[in-house]
Amino acid sequence: MAGRTRRRGDELLQAIYAAVLAELAETGYAGLTMVGVAARAGTGKGPLYRRWQTKDALVLDTVMNGLPSGPVPVYSGDVRADLLRLLNGLAMGLAGPGGAAMRALLSETHHQPELLAALRATVFEPRGRELRALLRAAAEAGELDPARVEGHLADLGHQMVMFRFLVEGAPVPQETIVQILDEVVLPLLRRPS
């Protein structure tokens, strides 16, 4: 645990977000406390309680603003390379503190519907929109079937990597990611022969 240091503004806020993610990873949602977050962030409880009156409010704010995000996917002209980069980025993110925190958060969403709504609004839906933009660009270039890039098939690769992470833990092996992409995702998104 870090010692107390004098920080303010964004520096303190980022330390608090990182402490929340680390506490979630280590203790789970039920074990997370304001005292534990303050100690890990190297601050007192006062700054936490001035901004967030409850643990739930702190966790929701962390979900909305403090979860690490990957690079915005951009179509490069090679959809396989782009999707491989995205799935590898997801697997790497899940292998870090954000992944362990995500596991703790997802296990709590059955009891905290507002947490699930926050995860959808700030994590899943924005990344889904970015992915679909990439897939639409690949479809316009003739690499994918335009009729297949808007529905549930578009999310399949991310969902399979997430499922493997939730069931088997991190890291998701590179060969598994390649198999998901080459044996499932791309055959389903391409035009039938």
C-alpha atoms as a PDB file:
ATOM      1  CA  MET A   1       0.000   0.000   0.000  1.00  0.00           C
ATOM      2  CA  ALA A   2       1.258   3.442  -0.875  1.00  0.00           C
ATOM      3  CA  GLY A   3       2.090   6.019   1.744  1.00  0.00           C
ATOM      4  CA  ARG A   4       0.185   9.272   1.811  1.00  0.00           C
ATOM      5  CA  THR A   5       1.346  11.845  -0.687  1.00  0.00           C
ATOM      6  CA  ARG A   6       0.032  15.310  -1.422  1.00  0.00           C
ATOM      7  CA  ARG A   7      -1.756  15.149  -4.754  1.00  0.00           C
ATOM      8  CA  ARG A   8      -4.653  17.062  -6.159  1.00  0.00           C
ATOM      9  CA  GLY A   9      -6.861  17.208  -9.200  1.00  0.00           C
ATOM     10  CA  ASP A  10      -6.444  14.702 -11.974  1.00  0.00           C
ATOM     11  CA  GLU A  11      -3.342  13.102 -10.456  1.00  0.00           C
ATOM     12  CA  LEU A  12      -5.253  12.207  -7.287  1.00  0.00           C
ATOM     13  CA  LEU A  13      -8.324  11.146  -9.262  1.00  0.00           C
ATOM     14  CA  GLN A  14      -6.287   8.768 -11.425  1.00  0.00           C
ATOM     15  CA  ALA A  15      -4.611   7.312  -8.318  1.00  0.00           C
ATOM     16  CA  ILE A  16      -8.042   6.710  -6.792  1.00  0.00           C
ATOM     17  CA  TYR A  17      -9.373   5.048  -9.965  1.00  0.00           C
ATOM     18  CA  ALA A  18      -6.287   2.816 -10.104  1.00  0.00           C
ATOM     19  CA  ALA A  19      -6.759   1.966  -6.415  1.00  0.00           C
ATOM     20  CA  VAL A  20     -10.411   1.025  -7.001  1.00  0.00           C
ATOM     21  CA  LEU A  21      -9.435  -1.301  -9.857  1.00  0.00           C
ATOM     22  CA  ALA A  22      -6.673  -2.880  -7.776  1.00  0.00           C
ATOM     23  CA  GLU A  23      -8.985  -3.334  -4.780  1.00  0.00           C
ATOM     24  CA  LEU A  24     -11.682  -4.876  -6.984  1.00  0.00           C
ATOM     25  CA  ALA A  25      -9.115  -7.262  -8.424  1.00  0.00           C
ATOM     26  CA  GLU A  26      -7.801  -8.222  -4.993  1.00  0.00           C
ATOM     27  CA  THR A  27     -10.873  -8.208  -2.772  1.00  0.00           C
ATOM     28  CA  GLY A  28     -13.852  -8.297  -5.160  1.00  0.00           C
ATOM     29  CA  TYR A  29     -16.797  -5.936  -5.029  1.00  0.00           C
ATOM     30  CA  ALA A  30     -18.009  -7.095  -1.629  1.00  0.00           C
ATOM     31  CA  GLY A  31     -14.569  -6.661  -0.051  1.00  0.00           C
ATOM     32  CA  LEU A  32     -13.892  -3.214  -1.480  1.00  0.00           C
ATOM     33  CA  THR A  33     -13.966  -0.472   1.158  1.00  0.00           C
ATOM     34  CA  MET A  34     -13.395   3.262   1.097  1.00  0.00           C
ATOM     35  CA  VAL A  35     -10.646   2.764   3.701  1.00  0.00           C
ATOM     36  CA  GLY A  36      -8.876   0.222   1.488  1.00  0.00           C
ATOM     37  CA  VAL A  37      -9.127   2.463  -1.578  1.00  0.00           C
ATOM     38  CA  ALA A  38      -7.821   5.472   0.354  1.00  0.00           C
ATOM     39  CA  ALA A  39      -4.866   3.500   1.728  1.00  0.00           C
ATOM     40  CA  ARG A  40      -3.986   2.087  -1.685  1.00  0.00           C
ATOM     41  CA  ALA A  41      -4.296   5.507  -3.331  1.00  0.00           C
ATOM     42  CA  GLY A  42      -2.096   7.059  -0.648  1.00  0.00           C
ATOM     43  CA  THR A  43      -4.701   9.560   0.493  1.00  0.00           C
ATOM     44  CA  GLY A  44      -7.137  10.016   3.334  1.00  0.00           C
ATOM     45  CA  LYS A  45     -10.800   9.054   3.389  1.00  0.00           C
ATOM     46  CA  GLY A  46     -11.844  12.713   3.283  1.00  0.00           C
ATOM     47  CA  PRO A  47     -11.144  13.266  -0.422  1.00  0.00           C
ATOM     48  CA  LEU A  48     -13.098  10.111  -1.236  1.00  0.00           C
ATOM     49  CA  TYR A  49     -16.146  10.981   0.842  1.00  0.00           C
ATOM     50  CA  ARG A  50     -16.178  14.581  -0.419  1.00  0.00           C
ATOM     51  CA  ARG A  51     -16.571  13.338  -3.984  1.00  0.00           C
ATOM     52  CA  TRP A  52     -18.354   9.993  -3.519  1.00  0.00           C
ATOM     53  CA  GLN A  53     -20.690   9.427  -0.618  1.00  0.00           C
ATOM     54  CA  THR A  54     -20.862   5.668  -1.079  1.00  0.00           C
ATOM     55  CA  LYS A  55     -18.748   2.812  -2.340  1.00  0.00           C
ATOM     56  CA  ASP A  56     -21.310   2.232  -5.110  1.00  0.00           C
ATOM     57  CA  ALA A  57     -20.921   5.815  -6.345  1.00  0.00           C
ATOM     58  CA  LEU A  58     -17.128   5.462  -6.342  1.00  0.00           C
ATOM     59  CA  VAL A  59     -17.219   2.197  -8.290  1.00  0.00           C
ATOM     60  CA  LEU A  60     -19.717   3.571 -10.826  1.00  0.00           C
ATOM     61  CA  ASP A  61     -17.560   6.644 -11.397  1.00  0.00           C
ATOM     62  CA  THR A  62     -14.513   4.438 -11.832  1.00  0.00           C
ATOM     63  CA  VAL A  63     -16.370   2.346 -14.414  1.00  0.00           C
ATOM     64  CA  MET A  64     -17.455   5.455 -16.277  1.00  0.00           C
ATOM     65  CA  ASN A  65     -14.098   7.230 -16.198  1.00  0.00           C
ATOM     66  CA  GLY A  66     -11.286   5.049 -14.895  1.00  0.00           C
ATOM     67  CA  LEU A  67     -11.316   1.784 -16.835  1.00  0.00           C
ATOM     68  CA  PRO A  68      -8.472   1.581 -19.325  1.00  0.00           C
ATOM     69  CA  SER A  69      -9.560   1.727 -22.939  1.00  0.00           C
ATOM     70  CA  GLY A  70      -7.773   0.279 -25.895  1.00  0.00           C
ATOM     71  CA  PRO A  71      -6.924   2.023 -29.136  1.00  0.00           C
ATOM     72  CA  VAL A  72      -9.807   3.058 -31.367  1.00  0.00           C
ATOM     73  CA  PRO A  73     -10.005   0.464 -34.144  1.00  0.00           C
ATOM     74  CA  VAL A  74      -9.326   1.872 -37.598  1.00  0.00           C
ATOM     75  CA  TYR A  75      -9.622  -0.073 -40.835  1.00  0.00           C
ATOM     76  CA  SER A  76      -6.151  -0.482 -42.344  1.00  0.00           C
ATOM     77  CA  GLY A  77      -7.105  -2.348 -45.499  1.00  0.00           C
ATOM     78  CA  ASP A  78      -6.576  -5.763 -43.885  1.00  0.00           C
ATOM     79  CA  VAL A  79      -9.529  -6.693 -41.707  1.00  0.00           C
ATOM     80  CA  ARG A  80      -7.883  -9.851 -40.382  1.00  0.00           C
ATOM     81  CA  ALA A  81      -4.879  -7.892 -39.100  1.00  0.00           C
ATOM     82  CA  ASP A  82      -7.181  -5.250 -37.618  1.00  0.00           C
ATOM     83  CA  LEU A  83      -9.354  -7.790 -35.819  1.00  0.00           C
ATOM     84  CA  LEU A  84      -6.334  -9.721 -34.609  1.00  0.00           C
ATOM     85  CA  ARG A  85      -4.890  -6.504 -33.159  1.00  0.00           C
ATOM     86  CA  LEU A  86      -8.231  -5.753 -31.450  1.00  0.00           C
ATOM     87  CA  LEU A  87      -8.675  -9.227 -29.979  1.00  0.00           C
ATOM     88  CA  ASN A  88      -5.055  -9.278 -28.794  1.00  0.00           C
ATOM     89  CA  GLY A  89      -5.576  -5.847 -27.213  1.00  0.00           C
ATOM     90  CA  LEU A  90      -8.678  -7.125 -25.439  1.00  0.00           C
ATOM     91  CA  ALA A  91      -6.819 -10.198 -24.177  1.00  0.00           C
ATOM     92  CA  MET A  92      -3.912  -8.061 -22.944  1.00  0.00           C
ATOM     93  CA  GLY A  93      -6.284  -5.684 -21.172  1.00  0.00           C
ATOM     94  CA  LEU A  94      -8.064  -8.571 -19.507  1.00  0.00           C
ATOM     95  CA  ALA A  95      -4.728  -9.984 -18.341  1.00  0.00           C
ATOM     96  CA  GLY A  96      -4.020  -6.808 -16.356  1.00  0.00           C
ATOM     97  CA  PRO A  97      -5.626  -5.174 -13.322  1.00  0.00           C
ATOM     98  CA  GLY A  98      -8.526  -3.943 -15.432  1.00  0.00           C
ATOM     99  CA  GLY A  99      -9.414  -7.532 -16.322  1.00  0.00           C
ATOM    100  CA  ALA A 100      -9.488  -8.747 -12.756  1.00  0.00           C
ATOM    101  CA  ALA A 101     -11.570  -5.714 -11.831  1.00  0.00           C
ATOM    102  CA  MET A 102     -13.905  -6.420 -14.759  1.00  0.00           C
ATOM    103  CA  ARG A 103     -14.399  -9.972 -13.502  1.00  0.00           C
ATOM    104  CA  ALA A 104     -15.346  -8.633 -10.058  1.00  0.00           C
ATOM    105  CA  LEU A 105     -17.692  -6.085 -11.611  1.00  0.00           C
ATOM    106  CA  LEU A 106     -19.392  -8.574 -13.900  1.00  0.00           C
ATOM    107  CA  SER A 107     -20.023 -10.947 -11.006  1.00  0.00           C
ATOM    108  CA  GLU A 108     -21.819  -8.126  -9.184  1.00  0.00           C
ATOM    109  CA  THR A 109     -24.074  -6.951 -12.030  1.00  0.00           C
ATOM    110  CA  HIS A 110     -26.831  -9.393 -11.049  1.00  0.00           C
ATOM    111  CA  HIS A 111     -27.218  -7.508  -7.772  1.00  0.00           C
ATOM    112  CA  GLN A 112     -26.398  -4.032  -9.096  1.00  0.00           C
ATOM    113  CA  PRO A 113     -28.371  -3.311 -12.296  1.00  0.00           C
ATOM    114  CA  GLU A 114     -27.045   0.269 -12.388  1.00  0.00           C
ATOM    115  CA  LEU A 115     -23.524  -1.166 -12.555  1.00  0.00           C
ATOM    116  CA  LEU A 116     -24.473  -3.270 -15.563  1.00  0.00           C
ATOM    117  CA  ALA A 117     -26.056  -0.211 -17.188  1.00  0.00           C
ATOM    118  CA  ALA A 118     -22.853   1.774 -16.576  1.00  0.00           C
ATOM    119  CA  LEU A 119     -20.698  -1.004 -18.040  1.00  0.00           C
ATOM    120  CA  ARG A 120     -22.940  -1.163 -21.098  1.00  0.00           C
ATOM    121  CA  ALA A 121     -22.957   2.604 -21.599  1.00  0.00           C
ATOM    122  CA  THR A 122     -19.272   3.263 -20.997  1.00  0.00           C
ATOM    123  CA  VAL A 123     -17.483   0.072 -21.999  1.00  0.00           C
ATOM    124  CA  PHE A 124     -19.461  -2.336 -24.168  1.00  0.00           C
ATOM    125  CA  GLU A 125     -21.577  -0.048 -26.372  1.00  0.00           C
ATOM    126  CA  PRO A 126     -18.819   2.443 -27.332  1.00  0.00           C
ATOM    127  CA  ARG A 127     -16.445  -0.381 -28.196  1.00  0.00           C
ATOM    128  CA  GLY A 128     -19.221  -2.084 -30.166  1.00  0.00           C
ATOM    129  CA  ARG A 129     -19.813   1.085 -32.198  1.00  0.00           C
ATOM    130  CA  GLU A 130     -16.095   1.380 -32.939  1.00  0.00           C
ATOM    131  CA  LEU A 131     -15.908  -2.264 -33.989  1.00  0.00           C
ATOM    132  CA  ARG A 132     -18.918  -1.925 -36.289  1.00  0.00           C
ATOM    133  CA  ALA A 133     -17.374   1.142 -37.945  1.00  0.00           C
ATOM    134  CA  LEU A 134     -14.270  -0.917 -38.711  1.00  0.00           C
ATOM    135  CA  LEU A 135     -16.362  -3.820 -40.007  1.00  0.00           C
ATOM    136  CA  ARG A 136     -18.488  -1.506 -42.184  1.00  0.00           C
ATOM    137  CA  ALA A 137     -15.307  -0.057 -43.706  1.00  0.00           C
ATOM    138  CA  ALA A 138     -14.058  -3.598 -44.420  1.00  0.00           C
ATOM    139  CA  ALA A 139     -17.428  -4.458 -45.980  1.00  0.00           C
ATOM    140  CA  GLU A 140     -17.277  -1.340 -48.189  1.00  0.00           C
ATOM    141  CA  ALA A 141     -13.822  -2.493 -49.324  1.00  0.00           C
ATOM    142  CA  GLY A 142     -15.268  -5.902 -50.227  1.00  0.00           C
ATOM    143  CA  GLU A 143     -13.580  -7.924 -47.473  1.00  0.00           C
ATOM    144  CA  LEU A 144     -16.778  -8.722 -45.561  1.00  0.00           C
ATOM    145  CA  ASP A 145     -20.448  -9.279 -46.304  1.00  0.00           C
ATOM    146  CA  PRO A 146     -22.260  -5.983 -45.527  1.00  0.00           C
ATOM    147  CA  ALA A 147     -25.337  -7.912 -44.380  1.00  0.00           C
ATOM    148  CA  ARG A 148     -23.320  -9.644 -41.653  1.00  0.00           C
ATOM    149  CA  VAL A 149     -21.451  -6.782 -39.992  1.00  0.00           C
ATOM    150  CA  GLU A 150     -24.353  -5.143 -38.138  1.00  0.00           C
ATOM    151  CA  GLY A 151     -25.854  -7.978 -36.110  1.00  0.00           C
ATOM    152  CA  HIS A 152     -24.692 -10.251 -33.333  1.00  0.00           C
ATOM    153  CA  LEU A 153     -21.989 -11.781 -35.516  1.00  0.00           C
ATOM    154  CA  ALA A 154     -19.994  -8.565 -35.216  1.00  0.00           C
ATOM    155  CA  ASP A 155     -19.626  -9.059 -31.454  1.00  0.00           C
ATOM    156  CA  LEU A 156     -18.774 -12.739 -31.582  1.00  0.00           C
ATOM    157  CA  GLY A 157     -14.973 -12.455 -31.453  1.00  0.00           C
ATOM    158  CA  HIS A 158     -14.971 -10.156 -28.440  1.00  0.00           C
ATOM    159  CA  GLN A 159     -17.584 -12.274 -26.708  1.00  0.00           C
ATOM    160  CA  MET A 160     -15.605 -15.466 -27.244  1.00  0.00           C
ATOM    161  CA  VAL A 161     -12.387 -13.926 -25.896  1.00  0.00           C
ATOM    162  CA  MET A 162     -14.288 -12.536 -22.895  1.00  0.00           C
ATOM    163  CA  PHE A 163     -15.924 -15.922 -22.258  1.00  0.00           C
ATOM    164  CA  ARG A 164     -12.556 -17.693 -22.377  1.00  0.00           C
ATOM    165  CA  PHE A 165     -11.197 -15.127 -19.913  1.00  0.00           C
ATOM    166  CA  LEU A 166     -14.140 -15.491 -17.530  1.00  0.00           C
ATOM    167  CA  VAL A 167     -14.076 -19.290 -17.607  1.00  0.00           C
ATOM    168  CA  GLU A 168     -10.351 -20.012 -17.855  1.00  0.00           C
ATOM    169  CA  GLY A 169      -8.689 -16.842 -16.611  1.00  0.00           C
ATOM    170  CA  ALA A 170      -6.010 -14.726 -18.175  1.00  0.00           C
ATOM    171  CA  PRO A 171      -4.115 -14.643 -20.347  1.00  0.00           C
ATOM    172  CA  VAL A 172      -6.130 -15.939 -23.270  1.00  0.00           C
ATOM    173  CA  PRO A 173      -3.497 -17.723 -25.399  1.00  0.00           C
ATOM    174  CA  GLN A 174      -2.530 -16.228 -28.754  1.00  0.00           C
ATOM    175  CA  GLU A 175      -3.302 -19.489 -30.567  1.00  0.00           C
ATOM    176  CA  THR A 176      -6.836 -19.407 -29.138  1.00  0.00           C
ATOM    177  CA  ILE A 177      -7.328 -15.869 -30.417  1.00  0.00           C
ATOM    178  CA  VAL A 178      -6.106 -16.851 -33.890  1.00  0.00           C
ATOM    179  CA  GLN A 179      -8.451 -19.876 -33.920  1.00  0.00           C
ATOM    180  CA  ILE A 180     -11.416 -17.739 -32.827  1.00  0.00           C
ATOM    181  CA  LEU A 181     -10.668 -15.278 -35.608  1.00  0.00           C
ATOM    182  CA  ASP A 182      -9.827 -17.705 -38.417  1.00  0.00           C
ATOM    183  CA  GLU A 183     -12.229 -20.546 -37.648  1.00  0.00           C
ATOM    184  CA  VAL A 184     -15.270 -18.661 -36.381  1.00  0.00           C
ATOM    185  CA  VAL A 185     -15.357 -14.896 -36.822  1.00  0.00           C
ATOM    186  CA  LEU A 186     -14.008 -14.331 -40.328  1.00  0.00           C
ATOM    187  CA  PRO A 187     -15.854 -17.280 -41.935  1.00  0.00           C
ATOM    188  CA  LEU A 188     -19.112 -15.948 -40.489  1.00  0.00           C
ATOM    189  CA  LEU A 189     -18.500 -12.324 -41.529  1.00  0.00           C
ATOM    190  CA  ARG A 190     -17.316 -13.018 -45.074  1.00  0.00           C
ATOM    191  CA  ARG A 191     -19.563 -13.560 -48.040  1.00  0.00           C
ATOM    192  CA  PRO A 192     -20.525 -17.193 -48.551  1.00  0.00           C
ATOM    193  CA  SER A 193     -18.413 -18.792 -51.305  1.00  0.00           C
END
